[in-house]
């Protein structure tokens, strides 16, 4: 079996039938997912006035798990500098650190400021793409870091384009970047 590859059930059966007791594999990268914001509550909790259910975290965990990583859902961090700093400090225990929300320019968007206070090295901030403009990428210490937007569509789109390639690369896969397809439109776009 040629590496790198994700081992399937058939691959494992073949290895066992060939009496191969051990194979070298990449460790599944642990991806810490930290949703931020006072407006969020976990599923099963009753949302108060001006609150919503934290759904992005669960979509991103499923995406990370399907890509071969291990998504770790952390408790929601409130819009409080000290609490956010403590929560973001915990991100350094993972292989990839992810925050969801709090990366824009509002009064309660503290992720960038707190990240810098924790020594975050910022590779870039904001991208020329919609949805997904308020994206942060860099590192927290030695841990790769990506700060995804809080908007659900933006979080999922940027998760596919920026987070999943990081997971695939850590797994040693060659096809880390999303596949592209060229197409011709049947008509003008208005």
N, C-alpha and C. Protein backbone atom coordinates (compact mmCIF):
# COMPACT_ATOMS: atom_id res chain seq x y z
N UNK A 1 0.85 -1.18 0.00
CA UNK A 1 0.00 0.00 0.00
C UNK A 1 0.89 1.24 0.00
N UNK A 2 0.65 2.09 -0.95
CA UNK A 2 1.47 3.30 -1.06
C UNK A 2 1.01 4.35 -0.06
N UNK A 3 1.98 4.98 0.58
CA UNK A 3 1.69 6.06 1.53
C UNK A 3 1.95 7.38 0.81
N UNK A 4 1.37 8.46 1.21
CA UNK A 4 0.37 8.57 2.28
C UNK A 4 -1.02 8.22 1.77
N UNK A 5 -1.82 7.67 2.64
CA UNK A 5 -3.20 7.33 2.31
C UNK A 5 -3.96 7.14 3.60
N UNK A 6 -5.26 7.33 3.52
CA UNK A 6 -6.12 7.02 4.66
C UNK A 6 -6.44 5.54 4.57
N UNK A 7 -6.19 4.82 5.64
CA UNK A 7 -6.42 3.38 5.63
C UNK A 7 -7.90 3.08 5.71
N UNK A 8 -8.37 2.26 4.78
CA UNK A 8 -9.77 1.85 4.77
C UNK A 8 -9.91 0.50 5.46
N UNK A 9 -11.13 0.05 5.63
CA UNK A 9 -11.36 -1.28 6.20
C UNK A 9 -10.71 -2.35 5.33
N UNK A 10 -10.79 -2.19 4.02
CA UNK A 10 -10.17 -3.15 3.10
C UNK A 10 -8.66 -3.15 3.23
N UNK A 11 -8.07 -1.96 3.40
CA UNK A 11 -6.62 -1.87 3.60
C UNK A 11 -6.21 -2.63 4.85
N UNK A 12 -6.95 -2.45 5.93
CA UNK A 12 -6.62 -3.13 7.18
C UNK A 12 -6.76 -4.64 7.04
N UNK A 13 -7.79 -5.09 6.33
CA UNK A 13 -7.97 -6.52 6.10
C UNK A 13 -6.81 -7.08 5.28
N UNK A 14 -6.39 -6.35 4.25
CA UNK A 14 -5.27 -6.78 3.43
C UNK A 14 -4.00 -6.87 4.26
N UNK A 15 -3.72 -5.87 5.06
CA UNK A 15 -2.53 -5.88 5.92
C UNK A 15 -2.56 -7.08 6.87
N UNK A 16 -3.72 -7.32 7.48
CA UNK A 16 -3.84 -8.45 8.40
C UNK A 16 -3.63 -9.78 7.67
N UNK A 17 -4.20 -9.91 6.47
CA UNK A 17 -4.06 -11.17 5.72
C UNK A 17 -2.62 -11.39 5.26
N UNK A 18 -1.86 -10.32 5.13
CA UNK A 18 -0.45 -10.42 4.76
C UNK A 18 0.44 -10.56 6.00
N UNK A 19 -0.19 -10.72 7.17
CA UNK A 19 0.51 -10.90 8.44
C UNK A 19 1.39 -9.70 8.79
N UNK A 20 0.89 -8.51 8.50
CA UNK A 20 1.59 -7.28 8.86
C UNK A 20 0.99 -6.80 10.18
N UNK A 21 1.72 -6.98 11.29
CA UNK A 21 1.14 -6.65 12.60
C UNK A 21 1.14 -5.16 12.92
N UNK A 22 2.03 -4.39 12.28
CA UNK A 22 2.12 -2.96 12.59
C UNK A 22 2.38 -2.18 11.30
N UNK A 23 1.81 -0.98 11.27
CA UNK A 23 2.11 -0.05 10.19
C UNK A 23 2.35 1.31 10.80
N UNK A 24 3.15 2.08 10.12
CA UNK A 24 3.43 3.43 10.57
C UNK A 24 2.30 4.35 10.12
N UNK A 25 1.74 5.08 11.05
CA UNK A 25 0.64 5.98 10.72
C UNK A 25 0.90 7.36 11.31
N UNK A 26 0.21 8.34 10.76
CA UNK A 26 0.26 9.69 11.33
C UNK A 26 -0.77 9.77 12.45
N UNK A 27 -0.43 10.49 13.48
CA UNK A 27 -1.37 10.71 14.58
C UNK A 27 -2.43 11.70 14.12
N UNK A 28 -3.68 11.41 14.46
CA UNK A 28 -4.75 12.34 14.12
C UNK A 28 -4.50 13.67 14.83
N UNK A 29 -4.42 14.78 14.10
CA UNK A 29 -4.21 16.06 14.77
C UNK A 29 -5.42 16.45 15.62
N UNK A 30 -5.13 16.91 16.83
CA UNK A 30 -6.19 17.38 17.73
C UNK A 30 -6.44 18.85 17.42
N UNK A 31 -7.69 19.15 17.09
CA UNK A 31 -8.08 20.50 16.68
C UNK A 31 -9.02 21.07 17.74
N UNK A 32 -8.51 22.02 18.53
CA UNK A 32 -9.32 22.64 19.59
C UNK A 32 -10.21 23.71 18.96
N UNK A 33 -11.51 23.61 19.23
CA UNK A 33 -12.51 24.52 18.65
C UNK A 33 -13.13 25.35 19.77
N UNK A 34 -12.87 26.65 19.76
CA UNK A 34 -13.34 27.55 20.80
C UNK A 34 -14.28 28.59 20.20
N UNK A 35 -15.57 28.45 20.47
CA UNK A 35 -16.54 29.46 20.06
C UNK A 35 -16.52 30.59 21.07
N UNK A 36 -16.67 31.82 20.60
CA UNK A 36 -16.61 32.98 21.48
C UNK A 36 -17.87 33.81 21.34
N UNK A 37 -18.31 34.40 22.45
CA UNK A 37 -19.41 35.35 22.40
C UNK A 37 -20.48 35.11 23.44
N UNK A 38 -20.92 36.20 24.06
CA UNK A 38 -22.01 36.14 25.05
C UNK A 38 -23.33 35.73 24.42
N UNK A 39 -23.43 35.87 23.10
CA UNK A 39 -24.69 35.56 22.42
C UNK A 39 -24.89 34.07 22.19
N UNK A 40 -23.91 33.25 22.55
CA UNK A 40 -23.96 31.82 22.27
C UNK A 40 -24.32 30.98 23.49
N UNK A 41 -25.10 29.94 23.26
CA UNK A 41 -25.36 28.91 24.27
C UNK A 41 -25.20 27.56 23.58
N UNK A 42 -24.91 26.53 24.36
CA UNK A 42 -24.73 25.19 23.82
C UNK A 42 -26.09 24.56 23.52
N UNK A 43 -26.13 23.62 22.57
CA UNK A 43 -27.37 22.90 22.32
C UNK A 43 -27.88 22.24 23.60
N UNK A 44 -29.18 22.32 23.81
CA UNK A 44 -29.79 21.78 25.02
C UNK A 44 -30.04 22.83 26.08
N UNK A 45 -29.32 23.96 25.98
CA UNK A 45 -29.55 25.07 26.90
C UNK A 45 -30.65 25.96 26.33
N UNK A 46 -31.29 26.70 27.19
CA UNK A 46 -32.34 27.63 26.75
C UNK A 46 -31.72 28.97 26.41
N UNK A 47 -31.80 29.39 25.14
CA UNK A 47 -31.24 30.69 24.80
C UNK A 47 -32.05 31.82 25.42
N UNK A 48 -31.34 32.79 25.96
CA UNK A 48 -31.98 33.98 26.50
C UNK A 48 -32.25 34.97 25.39
N UNK A 49 -32.67 36.12 25.80
CA UNK A 49 -32.92 37.19 24.84
C UNK A 49 -31.61 37.52 24.11
N UNK A 50 -31.66 37.65 22.82
CA UNK A 50 -30.49 37.97 21.99
C UNK A 50 -29.42 36.88 22.01
N UNK A 51 -29.80 35.64 22.27
CA UNK A 51 -28.84 34.54 22.23
C UNK A 51 -29.23 33.54 21.15
N UNK A 52 -28.23 32.80 20.67
CA UNK A 52 -28.45 31.76 19.67
C UNK A 52 -27.68 30.51 20.08
N UNK A 53 -28.03 29.41 19.46
CA UNK A 53 -27.34 28.15 19.73
C UNK A 53 -26.00 28.15 18.98
N UNK A 54 -24.96 27.69 19.64
CA UNK A 54 -23.62 27.60 19.05
C UNK A 54 -23.57 26.39 18.11
N UNK A 55 -23.89 26.61 16.85
CA UNK A 55 -23.94 25.51 15.89
C UNK A 55 -22.65 25.34 15.09
N UNK A 56 -21.91 26.42 14.88
CA UNK A 56 -20.70 26.35 14.07
C UNK A 56 -19.70 25.33 14.60
N UNK A 57 -19.56 25.28 15.89
CA UNK A 57 -18.58 24.39 16.51
C UNK A 57 -18.84 22.94 16.12
N UNK A 58 -20.10 22.56 16.09
CA UNK A 58 -20.45 21.18 15.80
C UNK A 58 -20.26 20.85 14.33
N UNK A 59 -20.55 21.80 13.45
CA UNK A 59 -20.29 21.59 12.02
C UNK A 59 -18.79 21.46 11.78
N UNK A 60 -18.00 22.34 12.40
CA UNK A 60 -16.55 22.29 12.22
C UNK A 60 -15.95 21.02 12.80
N UNK A 61 -16.45 20.56 13.93
CA UNK A 61 -15.97 19.30 14.51
C UNK A 61 -16.23 18.15 13.54
N UNK A 62 -17.43 18.10 12.97
CA UNK A 62 -17.76 17.04 12.02
C UNK A 62 -16.84 17.10 10.80
N UNK A 63 -16.56 18.31 10.32
CA UNK A 63 -15.67 18.48 9.17
C UNK A 63 -14.25 18.00 9.50
N UNK A 64 -13.75 18.39 10.66
CA UNK A 64 -12.40 18.00 11.09
C UNK A 64 -12.32 16.49 11.25
N UNK A 65 -13.32 15.90 11.91
CA UNK A 65 -13.33 14.45 12.12
C UNK A 65 -13.37 13.71 10.79
N UNK A 66 -14.20 14.17 9.85
CA UNK A 66 -14.31 13.53 8.54
C UNK A 66 -13.01 13.64 7.75
N UNK A 67 -12.24 14.69 7.99
CA UNK A 67 -10.96 14.88 7.29
C UNK A 67 -9.84 14.06 7.92
N UNK A 68 -10.12 13.41 9.07
CA UNK A 68 -9.11 12.59 9.72
C UNK A 68 -8.55 13.16 10.99
N UNK A 69 -8.96 14.36 11.38
CA UNK A 69 -8.51 14.96 12.63
C UNK A 69 -9.42 14.57 13.78
N UNK A 70 -9.13 15.12 14.93
CA UNK A 70 -9.97 14.91 16.11
C UNK A 70 -10.40 16.28 16.63
N UNK A 71 -11.64 16.64 16.35
CA UNK A 71 -12.17 17.93 16.80
C UNK A 71 -12.49 17.89 18.27
N UNK A 72 -12.01 18.87 19.01
CA UNK A 72 -12.25 18.98 20.45
C UNK A 72 -13.05 20.24 20.72
N UNK A 73 -14.30 20.08 21.15
CA UNK A 73 -15.15 21.23 21.42
C UNK A 73 -14.88 21.74 22.83
N UNK A 74 -14.44 22.97 22.94
CA UNK A 74 -14.18 23.60 24.23
C UNK A 74 -15.42 24.39 24.67
N UNK A 75 -15.54 24.68 25.97
CA UNK A 75 -16.66 25.51 26.43
C UNK A 75 -16.62 26.88 25.76
N UNK A 76 -17.79 27.46 25.55
CA UNK A 76 -17.90 28.78 24.94
C UNK A 76 -17.19 29.82 25.80
N UNK A 77 -16.40 30.67 25.16
CA UNK A 77 -15.71 31.75 25.88
C UNK A 77 -16.56 33.01 25.79
N UNK A 78 -16.86 33.63 26.93
CA UNK A 78 -17.67 34.86 26.91
C UNK A 78 -16.86 36.05 26.39
N UNK A 79 -17.57 37.14 26.11
CA UNK A 79 -16.94 38.38 25.66
C UNK A 79 -16.35 39.13 26.85
N UNK A 80 -15.40 38.50 27.49
CA UNK A 80 -14.72 39.06 28.66
C UNK A 80 -13.24 38.80 28.46
N UNK A 81 -12.44 39.84 28.54
CA UNK A 81 -11.02 39.73 28.23
C UNK A 81 -10.31 38.65 29.06
N UNK A 82 -10.51 38.63 30.37
CA UNK A 82 -9.81 37.66 31.22
C UNK A 82 -10.26 36.23 30.92
N UNK A 83 -11.57 36.03 30.75
CA UNK A 83 -12.08 34.69 30.46
C UNK A 83 -11.61 34.21 29.09
N UNK A 84 -11.60 35.11 28.12
CA UNK A 84 -11.14 34.76 26.78
C UNK A 84 -9.65 34.44 26.78
N UNK A 85 -8.89 35.19 27.55
CA UNK A 85 -7.45 34.93 27.64
C UNK A 85 -7.19 33.55 28.23
N UNK A 86 -7.92 33.19 29.28
CA UNK A 86 -7.75 31.86 29.89
C UNK A 86 -8.15 30.76 28.90
N UNK A 87 -9.25 30.97 28.19
CA UNK A 87 -9.71 29.97 27.23
C UNK A 87 -8.73 29.83 26.07
N UNK A 88 -8.22 30.94 25.56
CA UNK A 88 -7.28 30.88 24.44
C UNK A 88 -5.94 30.30 24.86
N UNK A 89 -5.54 30.48 26.10
CA UNK A 89 -4.30 29.88 26.59
C UNK A 89 -4.40 28.35 26.54
N UNK A 90 -5.61 27.82 26.76
CA UNK A 90 -5.82 26.37 26.71
C UNK A 90 -5.69 25.82 25.29
N UNK A 91 -5.85 26.66 24.28
CA UNK A 91 -5.75 26.21 22.90
C UNK A 91 -4.38 25.64 22.58
N UNK A 92 -3.36 26.09 23.28
CA UNK A 92 -1.99 25.68 22.99
C UNK A 92 -1.74 24.20 23.26
N UNK A 93 -2.69 23.52 23.90
CA UNK A 93 -2.52 22.09 24.17
C UNK A 93 -2.91 21.22 22.97
N UNK A 94 -3.48 21.84 21.94
CA UNK A 94 -3.91 21.10 20.76
C UNK A 94 -2.83 21.17 19.68
N UNK A 95 -3.06 20.46 18.59
CA UNK A 95 -2.15 20.51 17.44
C UNK A 95 -2.51 21.66 16.50
N UNK A 96 -3.80 22.03 16.49
CA UNK A 96 -4.29 23.19 15.74
C UNK A 96 -5.27 23.92 16.64
N UNK A 97 -5.11 25.22 16.76
CA UNK A 97 -5.99 26.04 17.60
C UNK A 97 -6.95 26.82 16.71
N UNK A 98 -8.24 26.78 17.06
CA UNK A 98 -9.26 27.47 16.26
C UNK A 98 -10.17 28.26 17.18
N UNK A 99 -10.39 29.52 16.86
CA UNK A 99 -11.45 30.28 17.50
C UNK A 99 -12.51 30.55 16.45
N UNK A 100 -13.75 30.66 16.93
CA UNK A 100 -14.88 30.91 16.04
C UNK A 100 -15.58 32.16 16.55
N UNK A 101 -15.57 33.22 15.75
CA UNK A 101 -16.18 34.48 16.13
C UNK A 101 -15.19 35.38 16.85
N UNK A 102 -15.60 36.61 17.06
CA UNK A 102 -14.79 37.57 17.81
C UNK A 102 -13.61 38.12 17.07
N UNK A 103 -13.54 37.90 15.74
CA UNK A 103 -12.37 38.33 14.97
C UNK A 103 -12.63 39.57 14.12
N UNK A 104 -13.82 40.14 14.21
CA UNK A 104 -14.15 41.29 13.39
C UNK A 104 -13.72 42.58 14.11
N UNK A 105 -14.47 43.66 13.95
CA UNK A 105 -14.04 44.95 14.49
C UNK A 105 -15.04 45.54 15.49
N UNK A 106 -15.97 44.75 16.00
CA UNK A 106 -16.94 45.26 16.97
C UNK A 106 -16.32 45.45 18.35
N UNK A 107 -17.07 46.10 19.23
CA UNK A 107 -16.60 46.36 20.59
C UNK A 107 -16.29 45.08 21.36
N UNK A 108 -16.98 43.99 21.03
CA UNK A 108 -16.79 42.74 21.76
C UNK A 108 -15.98 41.72 20.98
N UNK A 109 -15.38 42.12 19.89
CA UNK A 109 -14.53 41.24 19.10
C UNK A 109 -13.10 41.35 19.62
N UNK A 110 -12.80 40.52 20.61
CA UNK A 110 -11.56 40.64 21.37
C UNK A 110 -10.50 39.61 20.99
N UNK A 111 -10.81 38.69 20.09
CA UNK A 111 -9.90 37.59 19.80
C UNK A 111 -8.53 38.07 19.35
N UNK A 112 -8.47 39.01 18.42
CA UNK A 112 -7.18 39.50 17.93
C UNK A 112 -6.36 40.16 19.02
N UNK A 113 -7.00 40.99 19.85
CA UNK A 113 -6.29 41.68 20.94
C UNK A 113 -5.78 40.68 21.97
N UNK A 114 -6.62 39.74 22.36
CA UNK A 114 -6.22 38.75 23.36
C UNK A 114 -5.14 37.84 22.79
N UNK A 115 -5.28 37.45 21.52
CA UNK A 115 -4.26 36.63 20.89
C UNK A 115 -2.90 37.30 20.90
N UNK A 116 -2.88 38.59 20.59
CA UNK A 116 -1.61 39.33 20.62
C UNK A 116 -1.03 39.40 22.02
N UNK A 117 -1.90 39.57 23.03
CA UNK A 117 -1.44 39.59 24.42
C UNK A 117 -0.83 38.25 24.82
N UNK A 118 -1.30 37.17 24.19
CA UNK A 118 -0.76 35.83 24.48
C UNK A 118 0.44 35.50 23.60
N UNK A 119 0.88 36.44 22.79
CA UNK A 119 2.06 36.22 21.95
C UNK A 119 1.76 35.62 20.59
N UNK A 120 0.53 35.76 20.13
CA UNK A 120 0.17 35.23 18.82
C UNK A 120 1.01 35.89 17.73
N UNK A 121 1.56 35.07 16.86
CA UNK A 121 2.23 35.55 15.67
C UNK A 121 1.20 35.53 14.56
N UNK A 122 0.88 36.69 14.03
CA UNK A 122 -0.17 36.80 13.02
C UNK A 122 0.44 36.73 11.62
N UNK A 123 0.03 35.74 10.84
CA UNK A 123 0.48 35.62 9.46
C UNK A 123 -0.32 36.56 8.57
N UNK A 124 -1.64 36.61 8.79
CA UNK A 124 -2.48 37.56 8.08
C UNK A 124 -3.79 37.75 8.82
N UNK A 125 -4.46 38.86 8.52
CA UNK A 125 -5.76 39.18 9.09
C UNK A 125 -6.61 39.80 8.00
N UNK A 126 -7.77 39.30 7.83
CA UNK A 126 -8.75 39.70 6.82
C UNK A 126 -8.31 39.23 5.44
N UNK A 127 -9.29 38.67 4.75
CA UNK A 127 -9.05 38.20 3.40
C UNK A 127 -10.06 38.86 2.47
N UNK A 128 -9.71 38.95 1.22
CA UNK A 128 -10.59 39.58 0.24
C UNK A 128 -11.55 38.53 -0.31
N UNK A 129 -12.48 38.12 0.56
CA UNK A 129 -13.43 37.07 0.19
C UNK A 129 -14.70 37.26 1.00
N UNK A 130 -15.82 37.05 0.35
CA UNK A 130 -17.09 37.05 1.08
C UNK A 130 -17.87 35.83 0.66
N UNK A 131 -18.37 35.05 1.57
CA UNK A 131 -18.25 35.24 3.02
C UNK A 131 -16.86 34.84 3.51
N UNK A 132 -16.46 35.40 4.63
CA UNK A 132 -15.23 34.98 5.28
C UNK A 132 -14.18 36.04 5.53
N UNK A 133 -14.48 37.30 5.29
CA UNK A 133 -13.47 38.36 5.37
C UNK A 133 -12.72 38.41 6.71
N UNK A 134 -13.39 38.39 7.88
CA UNK A 134 -12.63 38.55 9.13
C UNK A 134 -11.96 37.25 9.59
N UNK A 135 -10.93 36.83 8.87
CA UNK A 135 -10.21 35.60 9.17
C UNK A 135 -8.82 35.96 9.69
N UNK A 136 -8.38 35.28 10.73
CA UNK A 136 -7.03 35.48 11.27
C UNK A 136 -6.27 34.17 11.12
N UNK A 137 -5.02 34.23 10.74
CA UNK A 137 -4.19 33.02 10.71
C UNK A 137 -2.81 33.36 11.25
N UNK A 138 -2.22 32.39 11.92
CA UNK A 138 -0.89 32.57 12.48
C UNK A 138 -0.56 31.42 13.40
N UNK A 139 0.05 31.74 14.54
CA UNK A 139 0.38 30.70 15.51
C UNK A 139 0.30 31.25 16.92
N UNK A 140 -0.07 30.38 17.83
CA UNK A 140 -0.04 30.66 19.27
C UNK A 140 1.10 29.81 19.82
N UNK A 141 2.24 30.42 20.04
CA UNK A 141 3.42 29.64 20.39
C UNK A 141 3.81 28.79 19.18
N UNK A 142 3.92 27.48 19.39
CA UNK A 142 4.27 26.56 18.30
C UNK A 142 3.04 25.96 17.63
N UNK A 143 1.86 26.38 18.04
CA UNK A 143 0.62 25.77 17.55
C UNK A 143 0.02 26.61 16.42
N UNK A 144 -0.20 26.01 15.25
CA UNK A 144 -0.88 26.75 14.18
C UNK A 144 -2.25 27.21 14.66
N UNK A 145 -2.62 28.43 14.26
CA UNK A 145 -3.86 29.03 14.75
C UNK A 145 -4.65 29.62 13.58
N UNK A 146 -5.95 29.43 13.62
CA UNK A 146 -6.84 30.10 12.68
C UNK A 146 -8.05 30.61 13.44
N UNK A 147 -8.37 31.89 13.23
CA UNK A 147 -9.54 32.51 13.83
C UNK A 147 -10.60 32.67 12.76
N UNK A 148 -11.64 31.84 12.84
CA UNK A 148 -12.70 31.85 11.83
C UNK A 148 -13.77 32.87 12.18
N UNK A 149 -14.47 33.38 11.17
CA UNK A 149 -15.59 34.29 11.43
C UNK A 149 -16.71 33.57 12.17
N UNK A 150 -17.56 34.32 12.84
CA UNK A 150 -18.67 33.74 13.59
C UNK A 150 -19.91 33.48 12.76
N UNK A 151 -20.05 34.15 11.63
CA UNK A 151 -21.20 33.90 10.77
C UNK A 151 -21.15 32.44 10.30
N UNK A 152 -22.27 31.70 10.42
CA UNK A 152 -22.23 30.27 10.09
C UNK A 152 -21.73 29.94 8.69
N UNK A 153 -22.21 30.63 7.68
CA UNK A 153 -21.75 30.34 6.31
C UNK A 153 -20.26 30.67 6.19
N UNK A 154 -19.85 31.80 6.74
CA UNK A 154 -18.44 32.20 6.70
C UNK A 154 -17.56 31.19 7.42
N UNK A 155 -17.99 30.73 8.58
CA UNK A 155 -17.20 29.77 9.35
C UNK A 155 -17.00 28.47 8.59
N UNK A 156 -18.05 27.98 7.95
CA UNK A 156 -17.95 26.71 7.23
C UNK A 156 -17.13 26.86 5.95
N UNK A 157 -17.35 27.93 5.21
CA UNK A 157 -16.58 28.15 3.98
C UNK A 157 -15.10 28.31 4.30
N UNK A 158 -14.76 29.16 5.27
CA UNK A 158 -13.34 29.34 5.62
C UNK A 158 -12.77 28.09 6.28
N UNK A 159 -13.61 27.33 6.97
CA UNK A 159 -13.15 26.05 7.52
C UNK A 159 -12.70 25.11 6.42
N UNK A 160 -13.50 25.03 5.34
CA UNK A 160 -13.12 24.19 4.19
C UNK A 160 -11.85 24.68 3.53
N UNK A 161 -11.73 25.99 3.36
CA UNK A 161 -10.61 26.54 2.59
C UNK A 161 -9.32 26.70 3.37
N UNK A 162 -9.40 26.91 4.69
CA UNK A 162 -8.19 27.20 5.47
C UNK A 162 -7.89 26.16 6.55
N UNK A 163 -8.91 25.68 7.26
CA UNK A 163 -8.69 24.74 8.35
C UNK A 163 -8.43 23.32 7.85
N UNK A 164 -9.29 22.81 6.97
CA UNK A 164 -9.14 21.43 6.53
C UNK A 164 -7.82 21.17 5.81
N UNK A 165 -7.28 22.09 4.99
CA UNK A 165 -5.95 21.84 4.43
C UNK A 165 -4.87 21.70 5.51
N UNK A 166 -5.01 22.41 6.63
CA UNK A 166 -4.05 22.26 7.73
C UNK A 166 -4.13 20.86 8.31
N UNK A 167 -5.35 20.36 8.49
CA UNK A 167 -5.54 19.00 9.03
C UNK A 167 -4.93 17.98 8.07
N UNK A 168 -5.25 18.10 6.79
CA UNK A 168 -4.74 17.15 5.79
C UNK A 168 -3.22 17.17 5.72
N UNK A 169 -2.64 18.36 5.80
CA UNK A 169 -1.18 18.47 5.74
C UNK A 169 -0.55 17.79 6.96
N UNK A 170 -1.15 17.97 8.14
CA UNK A 170 -0.61 17.32 9.35
C UNK A 170 -0.72 15.80 9.26
N UNK A 171 -1.67 15.31 8.48
CA UNK A 171 -1.81 13.87 8.28
C UNK A 171 -0.83 13.36 7.23
N UNK A 172 -0.11 14.27 6.58
CA UNK A 172 0.86 13.88 5.57
C UNK A 172 0.26 13.64 4.20
N UNK A 173 -1.00 14.04 4.00
CA UNK A 173 -1.65 13.82 2.72
C UNK A 173 -1.16 14.82 1.68
N UNK A 174 -0.99 14.35 0.46
CA UNK A 174 -0.48 15.22 -0.60
C UNK A 174 -1.56 16.16 -1.13
N UNK A 175 -2.80 15.70 -1.13
CA UNK A 175 -3.90 16.51 -1.67
C UNK A 175 -4.53 17.36 -0.58
N UNK A 176 -3.71 18.18 0.06
CA UNK A 176 -4.18 18.96 1.20
C UNK A 176 -5.12 20.09 0.81
N UNK A 177 -4.89 20.69 -0.34
CA UNK A 177 -5.72 21.83 -0.75
C UNK A 177 -7.02 21.35 -1.37
N UNK A 178 -8.07 22.17 -1.26
CA UNK A 178 -9.35 21.79 -1.88
C UNK A 178 -9.18 21.63 -3.39
N UNK A 179 -9.91 20.69 -3.96
CA UNK A 179 -9.87 20.49 -5.40
C UNK A 179 -10.62 21.61 -6.09
N UNK A 180 -10.13 21.99 -7.24
CA UNK A 180 -10.81 23.03 -8.02
C UNK A 180 -11.30 22.41 -9.33
N UNK A 181 -12.36 22.98 -9.84
CA UNK A 181 -12.94 22.54 -11.10
C UNK A 181 -13.22 23.78 -11.94
N UNK A 182 -12.84 23.75 -13.19
CA UNK A 182 -13.14 24.85 -14.11
C UNK A 182 -14.47 24.56 -14.79
N UNK A 183 -15.26 25.60 -14.95
CA UNK A 183 -16.56 25.45 -15.60
C UNK A 183 -16.87 26.72 -16.38
N UNK A 184 -17.72 26.58 -17.37
CA UNK A 184 -18.15 27.72 -18.18
C UNK A 184 -19.62 27.97 -17.87
N UNK A 185 -19.96 29.23 -17.57
CA UNK A 185 -21.34 29.58 -17.30
C UNK A 185 -22.15 29.60 -18.59
N UNK A 186 -23.41 29.21 -18.48
CA UNK A 186 -24.29 29.19 -19.64
C UNK A 186 -24.74 30.60 -20.04
N UNK A 187 -24.66 31.53 -19.09
CA UNK A 187 -25.10 32.89 -19.37
C UNK A 187 -24.33 33.90 -18.55
N UNK A 188 -24.63 35.17 -18.79
CA UNK A 188 -23.99 36.25 -18.05
C UNK A 188 -24.45 36.26 -16.60
N UNK A 189 -23.54 36.64 -15.72
CA UNK A 189 -23.88 36.81 -14.31
C UNK A 189 -24.19 38.29 -14.11
N UNK A 190 -25.43 38.57 -13.66
CA UNK A 190 -25.96 39.91 -13.57
C UNK A 190 -25.28 40.82 -12.68
